[in-house]
Amino acid sequence: MVYSNEELGKDKFRRVFKENVDSEELVWHRDREDRIVFVESGSNWMLQMDNDIPVVLQEGLKYFIPKMTYHRVIKGTGDLKIVIDESIGKVRIPESVKNNIKKGLKYLRNNRKSYLMFERISNSDSVNIEVLKEFKQFFDSHKTNVVLSESKKGKPHEDHKYVEWLLRGGNAGYNWVLREIKKRV
């Protein structure tokens, strides 16, 4: 094993690379999430990002590794102990938003349709900022809140605009997206 892993919480873990790790095992790779790496200890270990020269990992400092960016660790002396935080760029989903998405999914199932992305979101605690931006784009294209059409009372699954609105969290989702986007601008 190249390293040992210890869970420290949701999206946060400690990783230890032993001094005796074979350098050949420290390969170029990409991660699926943005990461902040905090160096707890290690001497002369280095981080090399794609198309950059290696930098020495210094104890007590943090390093940002963007998702899907090739990088590698270069062996130093002693064990390298780091804490990796992947919560950066993630936004907690309020229960009211998840409940509206689940309601929209229920209506979709009545139509024998499935939207895997919305199912994943409804079962998650957080989403990345890209999902928030996609939701905002949807909300921007609908200048007013969508309510169930009078003609579809009793059969909401037939009101496609209403179901699509619910799949993004409904009115609670609209307010959540605006609030979270505003924090990040």
Protein backbone atom coordinates (compact mmCIF):
# COMPACT_ATOMS: atom_id res chain seq x y z
CA MET A 1 0.00 0.00 0.00
CA VAL A 2 1.32 3.40 -1.00
CA TYR A 3 -0.28 5.18 1.97
CA SER A 4 -2.61 4.65 4.91
CA ASN A 5 -5.84 6.59 5.25
CA GLU A 6 -7.71 7.71 8.37
CA GLU A 7 -11.20 9.26 8.12
CA LEU A 8 -11.41 12.55 10.01
CA GLY A 9 -14.96 13.43 8.98
CA LYS A 10 -17.03 13.98 5.89
CA ASP A 11 -14.67 14.80 2.99
CA LYS A 12 -11.65 15.02 5.30
CA PHE A 13 -8.95 12.43 5.96
CA ARG A 14 -5.36 11.98 7.10
CA ARG A 15 -2.99 10.23 4.75
CA VAL A 16 0.43 8.87 5.73
CA PHE A 17 3.12 7.96 3.21
CA LYS A 18 5.79 5.85 4.91
CA GLU A 19 9.44 6.71 4.39
CA ASN A 20 10.08 3.24 2.95
CA VAL A 21 7.47 3.58 0.16
CA ASP A 22 8.90 2.64 -3.24
CA SER A 23 9.27 5.82 -5.35
CA GLU A 24 7.88 3.90 -8.33
CA GLU A 25 4.53 3.68 -6.52
CA LEU A 26 4.19 7.48 -6.31
CA VAL A 27 2.56 7.89 -9.71
CA TRP A 28 1.00 10.78 -11.61
CA HIS A 29 -2.74 10.87 -10.97
CA ARG A 30 -5.83 13.08 -10.92
CA ASP A 31 -8.46 13.47 -8.20
CA ARG A 32 -12.18 13.90 -8.75
CA GLU A 33 -12.54 16.72 -6.23
CA ASP A 34 -10.72 19.97 -5.48
CA ARG A 35 -8.45 19.45 -2.49
CA ILE A 36 -6.66 21.43 0.12
CA VAL A 37 -3.69 19.50 1.47
CA PHE A 38 -2.29 20.47 4.88
CA VAL A 39 1.19 19.14 5.65
CA GLU A 40 1.48 17.90 9.23
CA SER A 41 4.98 16.47 8.93
CA GLY A 42 7.59 15.25 6.47
CA SER A 43 10.99 16.36 5.29
CA ASN A 44 11.92 17.18 1.69
CA TRP A 45 8.81 15.56 0.24
CA MET A 46 7.64 17.41 -2.87
CA LEU A 47 4.46 18.03 -4.81
CA GLN A 48 4.68 18.29 -8.58
CA MET A 49 1.73 19.63 -10.55
CA ASP A 50 1.38 19.00 -14.27
CA ASN A 51 3.76 21.20 -16.30
CA ASP A 52 5.36 22.65 -13.14
CA ILE A 53 8.58 22.07 -11.30
CA PRO A 54 8.27 20.24 -7.96
CA VAL A 55 7.81 22.30 -4.79
CA VAL A 56 8.92 21.19 -1.34
CA LEU A 57 5.97 20.42 0.93
CA GLN A 58 6.51 22.50 4.06
CA GLU A 59 5.10 21.56 7.45
CA GLY A 60 2.22 23.78 8.53
CA LEU A 61 1.38 24.97 5.00
CA LYS A 62 -1.64 24.28 2.82
CA TYR A 63 -1.57 23.42 -0.88
CA PHE A 64 -4.49 23.59 -3.31
CA ILE A 65 -4.87 20.82 -5.90
CA PRO A 66 -7.62 21.51 -8.46
CA LYS A 67 -9.77 18.54 -9.43
CA MET A 68 -8.75 16.59 -12.53
CA THR A 69 -5.23 18.12 -12.50
CA TYR A 70 -2.37 15.66 -12.90
CA HIS A 71 0.04 15.72 -9.99
CA ARG A 72 2.34 13.47 -7.99
CA VAL A 73 4.21 13.29 -4.70
CA ILE A 74 7.99 12.91 -4.76
CA LYS A 75 9.58 10.99 -1.91
CA GLY A 76 11.51 12.76 0.83
CA THR A 77 12.78 11.56 4.21
CA GLY A 78 10.71 10.46 7.18
CA ASP A 79 6.98 9.77 6.92
CA LEU A 80 4.82 12.32 5.10
CA LYS A 81 1.65 13.06 7.07
CA ILE A 82 -0.99 15.19 5.38
CA VAL A 83 -4.61 16.11 5.98
CA ILE A 84 -6.74 16.26 2.84
CA ASP A 85 -9.91 18.35 2.82
CA GLU A 86 -12.24 17.82 -0.14
CA SER A 87 -15.10 19.92 1.23
CA ILE A 88 -13.83 22.98 -0.63
CA GLY A 89 -16.27 23.99 -3.34
CA LYS A 90 -19.09 21.95 -1.82
CA VAL A 91 -22.33 23.42 -0.63
CA ARG A 92 -24.62 21.78 1.95
CA ILE A 93 -28.10 20.97 0.65
CA PRO A 94 -30.98 22.03 2.93
CA GLU A 95 -33.53 19.31 3.80
CA SER A 96 -36.37 21.36 2.27
CA VAL A 97 -34.53 21.36 -1.08
CA LYS A 98 -33.88 17.61 -0.91
CA ASN A 99 -37.53 16.97 -0.03
CA ASN A 100 -38.73 18.96 -3.06
CA ILE A 101 -36.30 17.08 -5.33
CA LYS A 102 -37.63 13.78 -3.95
CA LYS A 103 -41.19 14.96 -4.64
CA GLY A 104 -40.21 15.80 -8.23
CA LEU A 105 -38.59 12.37 -8.60
CA LYS A 106 -41.77 10.71 -7.32
CA TYR A 107 -43.76 12.51 -10.01
CA LEU A 108 -41.21 11.47 -12.61
CA ARG A 109 -41.58 7.83 -11.55
CA ASN A 110 -45.31 8.16 -12.21
CA ASN A 111 -44.26 8.97 -15.78
CA ARG A 112 -41.79 6.04 -15.74
CA LYS A 113 -38.86 8.41 -16.15
CA SER A 114 -35.71 8.70 -14.07
CA TYR A 115 -33.13 11.40 -13.66
CA LEU A 116 -30.08 9.81 -12.04
CA MET A 117 -28.39 13.16 -11.29
CA PHE A 118 -31.36 14.34 -9.21
CA GLU A 119 -31.53 11.02 -7.39
CA ARG A 120 -27.87 11.39 -6.41
CA ILE A 121 -28.41 14.96 -5.25
CA SER A 122 -31.47 14.02 -3.18
CA ASN A 123 -29.36 11.41 -1.36
CA SER A 124 -26.33 13.66 -0.79
CA ASP A 125 -25.41 16.12 1.92
CA SER A 126 -23.69 18.54 -0.44
CA VAL A 127 -23.12 19.45 -4.08
CA ASN A 128 -20.25 21.16 -5.82
CA ILE A 129 -20.49 24.70 -7.07
CA GLU A 130 -20.98 23.54 -10.69
CA VAL A 131 -24.33 21.98 -9.78
CA LEU A 132 -25.35 25.23 -8.10
CA LYS A 133 -24.44 27.13 -11.28
CA GLU A 134 -26.50 24.71 -13.41
CA PHE A 135 -29.48 25.17 -11.10
CA LYS A 136 -29.07 28.96 -11.27
CA GLN A 137 -29.03 28.82 -15.07
CA PHE A 138 -32.30 26.89 -14.96
CA PHE A 139 -33.87 29.35 -12.50
CA ASP A 140 -32.66 32.32 -14.57
CA SER A 141 -34.51 30.91 -17.58
CA HIS A 142 -37.73 30.83 -15.53
CA LYS A 143 -38.25 34.43 -14.45
CA THR A 144 -41.01 33.57 -11.97
CA ASN A 145 -41.54 30.75 -9.52
CA VAL A 146 -43.36 27.83 -11.09
CA VAL A 147 -46.52 26.67 -9.37
CA LEU A 148 -48.73 23.72 -10.18
CA SER A 149 -51.04 24.53 -13.07
CA GLU A 150 -54.76 24.70 -12.12
CA SER A 151 -55.56 22.19 -14.85
CA LYS A 152 -53.09 19.68 -13.36
CA LYS A 153 -54.43 19.71 -9.76
CA GLY A 154 -54.67 16.09 -8.64
CA LYS A 155 -52.19 14.98 -11.32
CA PRO A 156 -49.03 17.05 -10.71
CA HIS A 157 -46.85 14.50 -12.52
CA GLU A 158 -48.39 15.76 -15.78
CA ASP A 159 -47.21 19.36 -15.21
CA HIS A 160 -43.70 19.12 -16.67
CA LYS A 161 -42.66 22.69 -15.78
CA TYR A 162 -43.71 22.13 -12.17
CA VAL A 163 -41.83 18.81 -11.96
CA GLU A 164 -38.67 20.35 -13.46
CA TRP A 165 -38.95 23.20 -10.92
CA LEU A 166 -39.25 20.67 -8.06
CA LEU A 167 -36.23 18.71 -9.35
CA ARG A 168 -34.13 21.77 -8.58
CA GLY A 169 -35.60 22.14 -5.11
CA GLY A 170 -38.67 24.22 -5.92
CA ASN A 171 -39.00 27.63 -4.29
CA ALA A 172 -36.69 26.51 -1.45
CA GLY A 173 -34.09 25.52 -4.08
CA TYR A 174 -34.47 28.84 -5.85
CA ASN A 175 -33.84 30.80 -2.63
CA TRP A 176 -30.97 28.48 -1.60
CA VAL A 177 -29.21 28.81 -4.98
CA LEU A 178 -29.50 32.61 -4.99
CA ARG A 179 -28.21 32.81 -1.42
CA GLU A 180 -25.23 30.48 -2.04
CA ILE A 181 -24.25 32.05 -5.37
CA LYS A 182 -24.36 35.52 -3.79
CA LYS A 183 -21.93 34.34 -1.05
CA ARG A 184 -19.44 33.23 -3.70
CA VAL A 185 -19.49 36.29 -5.97
